[in-house]
N, C-alpha and C. Protein backbone atom coordinates (compact mmCIF):
# COMPACT_ATOMS: atom_id res chain seq x y z
N VAL A 1 -11.03 11.79 5.23
CA VAL A 1 -10.01 11.45 4.24
C VAL A 1 -10.58 10.44 3.26
N GLN A 2 -10.36 10.73 2.00
CA GLN A 2 -10.75 9.79 0.94
C GLN A 2 -9.49 9.33 0.22
N LEU A 3 -9.50 8.08 -0.22
CA LEU A 3 -8.32 7.47 -0.82
C LEU A 3 -8.62 6.99 -2.23
N GLN A 4 -7.70 7.24 -3.14
CA GLN A 4 -7.85 6.83 -4.53
C GLN A 4 -6.56 6.14 -4.96
N ALA A 5 -6.64 4.85 -5.16
CA ALA A 5 -5.46 4.07 -5.56
C ALA A 5 -5.44 3.86 -7.07
N SER A 6 -4.23 3.76 -7.60
CA SER A 6 -4.06 3.51 -9.03
C SER A 6 -2.68 2.91 -9.28
N GLY A 7 -2.46 2.48 -10.52
CA GLY A 7 -1.14 2.03 -10.90
C GLY A 7 -0.99 0.54 -11.12
N GLY A 8 -2.05 -0.22 -10.87
CA GLY A 8 -1.95 -1.66 -11.07
C GLY A 8 -1.85 -2.02 -12.54
N GLY A 9 -1.56 -3.29 -12.80
CA GLY A 9 -1.45 -3.74 -14.17
C GLY A 9 -0.95 -5.16 -14.26
N LEU A 10 -0.68 -5.56 -15.50
CA LEU A 10 -0.17 -6.90 -15.78
C LEU A 10 1.31 -6.78 -16.13
N VAL A 11 2.15 -7.48 -15.37
CA VAL A 11 3.59 -7.45 -15.60
C VAL A 11 4.13 -8.87 -15.54
N GLN A 12 5.39 -9.02 -15.93
CA GLN A 12 6.03 -10.32 -15.87
C GLN A 12 6.86 -10.43 -14.59
N ALA A 13 7.14 -11.66 -14.20
CA ALA A 13 7.97 -11.89 -13.02
C ALA A 13 9.31 -11.19 -13.19
N GLY A 14 9.75 -10.53 -12.12
CA GLY A 14 10.99 -9.78 -12.17
C GLY A 14 10.82 -8.31 -12.50
N ASP A 15 9.66 -7.95 -13.01
CA ASP A 15 9.40 -6.55 -13.37
C ASP A 15 9.10 -5.71 -12.13
N SER A 16 8.98 -4.41 -12.36
CA SER A 16 8.65 -3.46 -11.30
C SER A 16 7.34 -2.76 -11.63
N LEU A 17 6.70 -2.24 -10.59
CA LEU A 17 5.45 -1.52 -10.74
C LEU A 17 5.34 -0.54 -9.57
N ARG A 18 4.74 0.61 -9.81
CA ARG A 18 4.56 1.56 -8.73
C ARG A 18 3.08 1.90 -8.57
N LEU A 19 2.56 1.68 -7.39
CA LEU A 19 1.19 2.03 -7.08
C LEU A 19 1.15 3.41 -6.41
N SER A 20 0.06 4.13 -6.64
CA SER A 20 -0.12 5.44 -6.02
C SER A 20 -1.45 5.47 -5.27
N CYS A 21 -1.47 6.23 -4.21
CA CYS A 21 -2.70 6.42 -3.43
C CYS A 21 -2.79 7.90 -3.08
N VAL A 22 -3.74 8.59 -3.69
CA VAL A 22 -3.94 10.00 -3.40
C VAL A 22 -4.91 10.13 -2.24
N ALA A 23 -4.51 10.86 -1.23
CA ALA A 23 -5.33 11.06 -0.04
C ALA A 23 -5.86 12.49 -0.03
N SER A 24 -7.15 12.62 -0.01
CA SER A 24 -7.77 13.96 0.05
C SER A 24 -8.36 14.16 1.44
N GLY A 25 -8.13 15.33 2.00
CA GLY A 25 -8.63 15.62 3.33
C GLY A 25 -7.63 16.43 4.12
N ARG A 26 -8.00 16.72 5.33
CA ARG A 26 -7.16 17.56 6.18
C ARG A 26 -6.44 16.74 7.22
N ALA A 27 -5.44 17.36 7.82
CA ALA A 27 -4.72 16.78 8.95
C ALA A 27 -4.12 15.41 8.61
N LEU A 28 -3.58 15.27 7.44
CA LEU A 28 -2.98 13.99 7.06
C LEU A 28 -1.83 13.61 7.99
N SER A 29 -1.22 14.58 8.63
CA SER A 29 -0.09 14.29 9.51
C SER A 29 -0.50 13.43 10.70
N ARG A 30 -1.78 13.33 10.95
CA ARG A 30 -2.27 12.53 12.07
C ARG A 30 -2.50 11.07 11.68
N TYR A 31 -2.25 10.74 10.43
CA TYR A 31 -2.59 9.42 9.92
C TYR A 31 -1.36 8.53 9.71
N THR A 32 -1.61 7.25 9.79
CA THR A 32 -0.70 6.23 9.28
C THR A 32 -1.35 5.62 8.05
N MET A 33 -0.57 5.49 7.00
CA MET A 33 -1.09 4.95 5.75
C MET A 33 -0.58 3.53 5.55
N GLY A 34 -1.39 2.74 4.86
CA GLY A 34 -0.98 1.36 4.64
C GLY A 34 -1.40 0.83 3.29
N TRP A 35 -0.68 -0.17 2.86
CA TRP A 35 -1.05 -0.95 1.68
C TRP A 35 -1.32 -2.39 2.12
N PHE A 36 -2.42 -2.92 1.66
CA PHE A 36 -2.78 -4.31 1.89
C PHE A 36 -3.05 -4.95 0.54
N ARG A 37 -3.07 -6.27 0.53
CA ARG A 37 -3.42 -6.97 -0.69
C ARG A 37 -4.26 -8.18 -0.37
N GLN A 38 -5.06 -8.57 -1.36
CA GLN A 38 -5.92 -9.73 -1.18
C GLN A 38 -5.97 -10.52 -2.46
N ALA A 39 -5.51 -11.75 -2.39
CA ALA A 39 -5.56 -12.67 -3.51
C ALA A 39 -6.85 -13.48 -3.42
N PRO A 40 -7.32 -14.01 -4.54
CA PRO A 40 -8.57 -14.79 -4.53
C PRO A 40 -8.50 -15.94 -3.54
N GLY A 41 -9.51 -16.04 -2.70
CA GLY A 41 -9.59 -17.12 -1.74
C GLY A 41 -8.71 -16.97 -0.52
N LYS A 42 -8.03 -15.82 -0.41
CA LYS A 42 -7.13 -15.61 0.72
C LYS A 42 -7.57 -14.39 1.53
N GLU A 43 -7.09 -14.33 2.76
CA GLU A 43 -7.39 -13.19 3.60
C GLU A 43 -6.56 -11.97 3.18
N ARG A 44 -7.07 -10.81 3.55
CA ARG A 44 -6.35 -9.58 3.25
C ARG A 44 -5.04 -9.56 4.05
N GLU A 45 -3.97 -9.21 3.36
CA GLU A 45 -2.62 -9.30 3.94
C GLU A 45 -1.97 -7.93 3.99
N PHE A 46 -1.33 -7.63 5.11
CA PHE A 46 -0.59 -6.38 5.24
C PHE A 46 0.66 -6.41 4.35
N VAL A 47 0.90 -5.32 3.64
CA VAL A 47 2.06 -5.22 2.77
C VAL A 47 3.07 -4.22 3.33
N ALA A 48 2.62 -3.00 3.57
CA ALA A 48 3.53 -1.96 4.04
C ALA A 48 2.75 -0.82 4.66
N GLY A 49 3.41 -0.08 5.56
CA GLY A 49 2.78 1.06 6.19
C GLY A 49 3.77 2.19 6.38
N ILE A 50 3.25 3.40 6.53
CA ILE A 50 4.10 4.56 6.75
C ILE A 50 3.35 5.60 7.56
N THR A 51 4.03 6.19 8.54
CA THR A 51 3.42 7.28 9.29
C THR A 51 3.60 8.56 8.50
N TRP A 52 2.50 9.30 8.33
CA TRP A 52 2.57 10.44 7.42
C TRP A 52 3.52 11.51 7.93
N SER A 53 3.50 11.80 9.20
CA SER A 53 4.29 12.90 9.72
C SER A 53 5.78 12.58 9.74
N ALA A 54 6.14 11.45 10.31
CA ALA A 54 7.56 11.10 10.46
C ALA A 54 8.11 10.35 9.27
N GLY A 55 7.25 9.77 8.48
CA GLY A 55 7.71 8.98 7.34
C GLY A 55 8.34 7.66 7.74
N SER A 56 8.01 7.17 8.93
CA SER A 56 8.54 5.88 9.37
C SER A 56 7.80 4.76 8.66
N SER A 57 8.56 3.84 8.06
CA SER A 57 7.95 2.78 7.26
C SER A 57 8.18 1.42 7.89
N TYR A 58 7.29 0.49 7.57
CA TYR A 58 7.42 -0.88 8.05
C TYR A 58 6.75 -1.79 7.03
N TYR A 59 7.15 -3.06 7.02
CA TYR A 59 6.77 -3.96 5.94
C TYR A 59 6.35 -5.34 6.44
N GLY A 60 5.53 -5.98 5.61
CA GLY A 60 5.24 -7.37 5.84
C GLY A 60 6.43 -8.22 5.44
N ASP A 61 6.58 -9.38 6.05
CA ASP A 61 7.76 -10.22 5.82
C ASP A 61 7.88 -10.63 4.35
N SER A 62 6.78 -10.85 3.69
CA SER A 62 6.83 -11.39 2.32
C SER A 62 7.34 -10.37 1.29
N VAL A 63 7.41 -9.09 1.66
CA VAL A 63 7.82 -8.06 0.69
C VAL A 63 9.06 -7.30 1.12
N LYS A 64 9.59 -7.59 2.29
CA LYS A 64 10.78 -6.88 2.77
C LYS A 64 11.93 -7.04 1.78
N GLY A 65 12.57 -5.93 1.49
CA GLY A 65 13.69 -5.94 0.56
C GLY A 65 13.28 -5.79 -0.89
N ARG A 66 12.00 -5.93 -1.20
CA ARG A 66 11.54 -5.81 -2.59
C ARG A 66 10.63 -4.61 -2.79
N PHE A 67 9.82 -4.30 -1.79
CA PHE A 67 8.86 -3.21 -1.89
C PHE A 67 9.31 -2.03 -1.02
N THR A 68 8.98 -0.83 -1.47
CA THR A 68 9.28 0.37 -0.72
C THR A 68 8.07 1.28 -0.69
N ILE A 69 7.67 1.70 0.51
CA ILE A 69 6.57 2.63 0.65
C ILE A 69 7.15 4.03 0.92
N SER A 70 6.53 5.03 0.34
CA SER A 70 6.98 6.41 0.55
C SER A 70 5.78 7.34 0.43
N ARG A 71 5.97 8.60 0.84
CA ARG A 71 4.89 9.56 0.69
C ARG A 71 5.44 10.90 0.22
N ASP A 72 4.60 11.60 -0.52
CA ASP A 72 4.93 12.92 -1.04
C ASP A 72 3.93 13.89 -0.41
N ASN A 73 4.41 14.67 0.54
CA ASN A 73 3.51 15.58 1.25
C ASN A 73 2.85 16.59 0.32
N ALA A 74 3.62 17.10 -0.61
CA ALA A 74 3.10 18.13 -1.50
C ALA A 74 1.97 17.61 -2.37
N LYS A 75 2.04 16.33 -2.72
CA LYS A 75 1.02 15.73 -3.58
C LYS A 75 0.00 14.93 -2.80
N SER A 76 0.15 14.86 -1.48
CA SER A 76 -0.76 14.06 -0.64
C SER A 76 -0.90 12.65 -1.18
N THR A 77 0.20 12.07 -1.56
CA THR A 77 0.20 10.78 -2.23
C THR A 77 1.16 9.83 -1.53
N VAL A 78 0.72 8.60 -1.39
CA VAL A 78 1.54 7.52 -0.88
C VAL A 78 1.84 6.57 -2.03
N TYR A 79 3.08 6.14 -2.12
CA TYR A 79 3.50 5.26 -3.20
C TYR A 79 3.91 3.90 -2.65
N LEU A 80 3.76 2.90 -3.50
CA LEU A 80 4.30 1.58 -3.20
C LEU A 80 5.11 1.15 -4.41
N GLN A 81 6.41 1.23 -4.28
CA GLN A 81 7.30 0.77 -5.34
C GLN A 81 7.54 -0.71 -5.16
N MET A 82 7.19 -1.49 -6.17
CA MET A 82 7.30 -2.94 -6.10
C MET A 82 8.33 -3.41 -7.11
N ASN A 83 9.39 -3.97 -6.63
CA ASN A 83 10.46 -4.49 -7.49
C ASN A 83 10.53 -6.01 -7.38
N SER A 84 11.17 -6.62 -8.34
CA SER A 84 11.36 -8.07 -8.34
C SER A 84 10.05 -8.80 -8.09
N LEU A 85 9.05 -8.43 -8.83
CA LEU A 85 7.72 -8.99 -8.61
C LEU A 85 7.69 -10.48 -8.91
N LYS A 86 6.88 -11.18 -8.13
CA LYS A 86 6.72 -12.63 -8.26
C LYS A 86 5.25 -12.94 -8.55
N PRO A 87 4.99 -14.09 -9.15
CA PRO A 87 3.58 -14.46 -9.38
C PRO A 87 2.75 -14.46 -8.10
N GLU A 88 3.36 -14.77 -6.98
CA GLU A 88 2.62 -14.79 -5.71
C GLU A 88 2.28 -13.39 -5.20
N ASP A 89 2.78 -12.36 -5.86
CA ASP A 89 2.39 -10.99 -5.53
C ASP A 89 1.06 -10.60 -6.19
N THR A 90 0.56 -11.47 -7.04
CA THR A 90 -0.70 -11.20 -7.71
C THR A 90 -1.83 -11.06 -6.71
N ALA A 91 -2.52 -9.94 -6.76
CA ALA A 91 -3.60 -9.66 -5.82
C ALA A 91 -4.23 -8.32 -6.16
N VAL A 92 -5.34 -8.03 -5.49
CA VAL A 92 -5.88 -6.68 -5.51
C VAL A 92 -5.23 -5.92 -4.35
N TYR A 93 -4.64 -4.79 -4.66
CA TYR A 93 -3.94 -3.99 -3.67
C TYR A 93 -4.82 -2.83 -3.22
N HIS A 94 -4.92 -2.67 -1.91
CA HIS A 94 -5.77 -1.64 -1.33
C HIS A 94 -4.93 -0.66 -0.53
N CYS A 95 -5.28 0.60 -0.65
CA CYS A 95 -4.70 1.65 0.17
C CYS A 95 -5.61 1.87 1.36
N ALA A 96 -5.03 2.13 2.54
CA ALA A 96 -5.82 2.32 3.74
C ALA A 96 -5.20 3.41 4.62
N ALA A 97 -6.03 3.96 5.49
CA ALA A 97 -5.57 5.01 6.39
C ALA A 97 -6.05 4.73 7.81
N ARG A 98 -5.21 5.13 8.75
CA ARG A 98 -5.50 4.90 10.18
C ARG A 98 -5.27 6.23 10.90
N LEU A 99 -6.28 6.69 11.64
CA LEU A 99 -6.16 7.95 12.35
C LEU A 99 -5.37 7.74 13.63
N SER A 100 -4.08 7.56 13.44
CA SER A 100 -3.17 7.36 14.57
C SER A 100 -1.75 7.37 14.02
N VAL A 101 -0.81 7.78 14.83
CA VAL A 101 0.59 7.73 14.41
C VAL A 101 1.28 6.48 14.96
N VAL A 102 0.50 5.63 15.59
CA VAL A 102 1.03 4.37 16.09
C VAL A 102 0.87 3.33 14.98
N PRO A 103 1.95 2.77 14.50
CA PRO A 103 1.84 1.83 13.38
C PRO A 103 1.22 0.50 13.79
N THR A 104 0.52 -0.11 12.87
CA THR A 104 -0.03 -1.43 13.05
C THR A 104 -0.11 -2.12 11.70
N SER A 105 -0.08 -3.44 11.70
CA SER A 105 -0.24 -4.21 10.47
C SER A 105 -1.59 -4.91 10.44
N SER A 106 -2.41 -4.62 11.41
CA SER A 106 -3.72 -5.27 11.50
C SER A 106 -4.72 -4.62 10.56
N VAL A 107 -5.47 -5.45 9.84
CA VAL A 107 -6.53 -4.94 8.96
C VAL A 107 -7.53 -4.13 9.77
N LYS A 108 -7.87 -4.64 10.95
CA LYS A 108 -8.87 -3.97 11.77
C LYS A 108 -8.38 -2.64 12.32
N GLY A 109 -7.08 -2.43 12.27
CA GLY A 109 -6.52 -1.19 12.79
C GLY A 109 -6.67 -0.01 11.84
N PHE A 110 -7.11 -0.25 10.63
CA PHE A 110 -7.25 0.81 9.63
C PHE A 110 -8.73 1.14 9.44
N ASP A 111 -9.01 2.43 9.45
CA ASP A 111 -10.39 2.90 9.46
C ASP A 111 -10.95 3.18 8.07
N LEU A 112 -10.08 3.62 7.18
CA LEU A 112 -10.53 4.08 5.88
C LEU A 112 -9.85 3.27 4.79
N TRP A 113 -10.61 2.97 3.75
CA TRP A 113 -10.11 2.14 2.67
C TRP A 113 -10.46 2.77 1.33
N GLY A 114 -9.52 2.67 0.40
CA GLY A 114 -9.79 3.06 -0.97
C GLY A 114 -10.18 1.85 -1.77
N GLN A 115 -10.56 2.09 -3.02
CA GLN A 115 -10.86 0.96 -3.89
C GLN A 115 -9.56 0.26 -4.26
N GLY A 116 -9.63 -0.96 -4.63
CA GLY A 116 -8.43 -1.72 -4.95
C GLY A 116 -7.95 -1.51 -6.37
N THR A 117 -6.69 -1.86 -6.58
CA THR A 117 -6.13 -1.85 -7.92
C THR A 117 -5.48 -3.21 -8.15
N GLN A 118 -5.78 -3.82 -9.29
CA GLN A 118 -5.35 -5.19 -9.57
C GLN A 118 -3.89 -5.20 -10.03
N VAL A 119 -3.12 -6.08 -9.42
CA VAL A 119 -1.75 -6.35 -9.86
C VAL A 119 -1.67 -7.82 -10.22
N THR A 120 -1.26 -8.10 -11.44
CA THR A 120 -1.13 -9.47 -11.92
C THR A 120 0.30 -9.68 -12.42
N VAL A 121 0.95 -10.68 -11.87
CA VAL A 121 2.33 -10.97 -12.24
C VAL A 121 2.36 -12.35 -12.91
N SER A 122 2.75 -12.37 -14.16
CA SER A 122 2.79 -13.63 -14.89
C SER A 122 4.19 -14.25 -14.78
N SER A 123 4.23 -15.56 -14.83
CA SER A 123 5.52 -16.27 -14.69
C SER A 123 6.21 -16.45 -16.03
């Protein structure tokens, strides 16, 4: 599986943005997909995850109620809808995949990573 993330940009606080991650490969139903982010000088942080087959989603505490992860089977794409953005959401956002249907928020639990997309939220 290869991952291609896109959709980042510069927005103002309170705005919305949607990130996309196209997954190429077979047997996607066996994977759990995740979004992580990393701000300068900080560790990579779990944002959201979703099991491809069941569509079960889970979130990091800092984004609950503001971000929504979803997937489109026909397009092999995972989305991260980000609403009510804050300056502290500024980071490089990475899409990741885990060959398991057991969800995890651990960075080490994900095997495959796409390139990051920059999200900058101005105050």
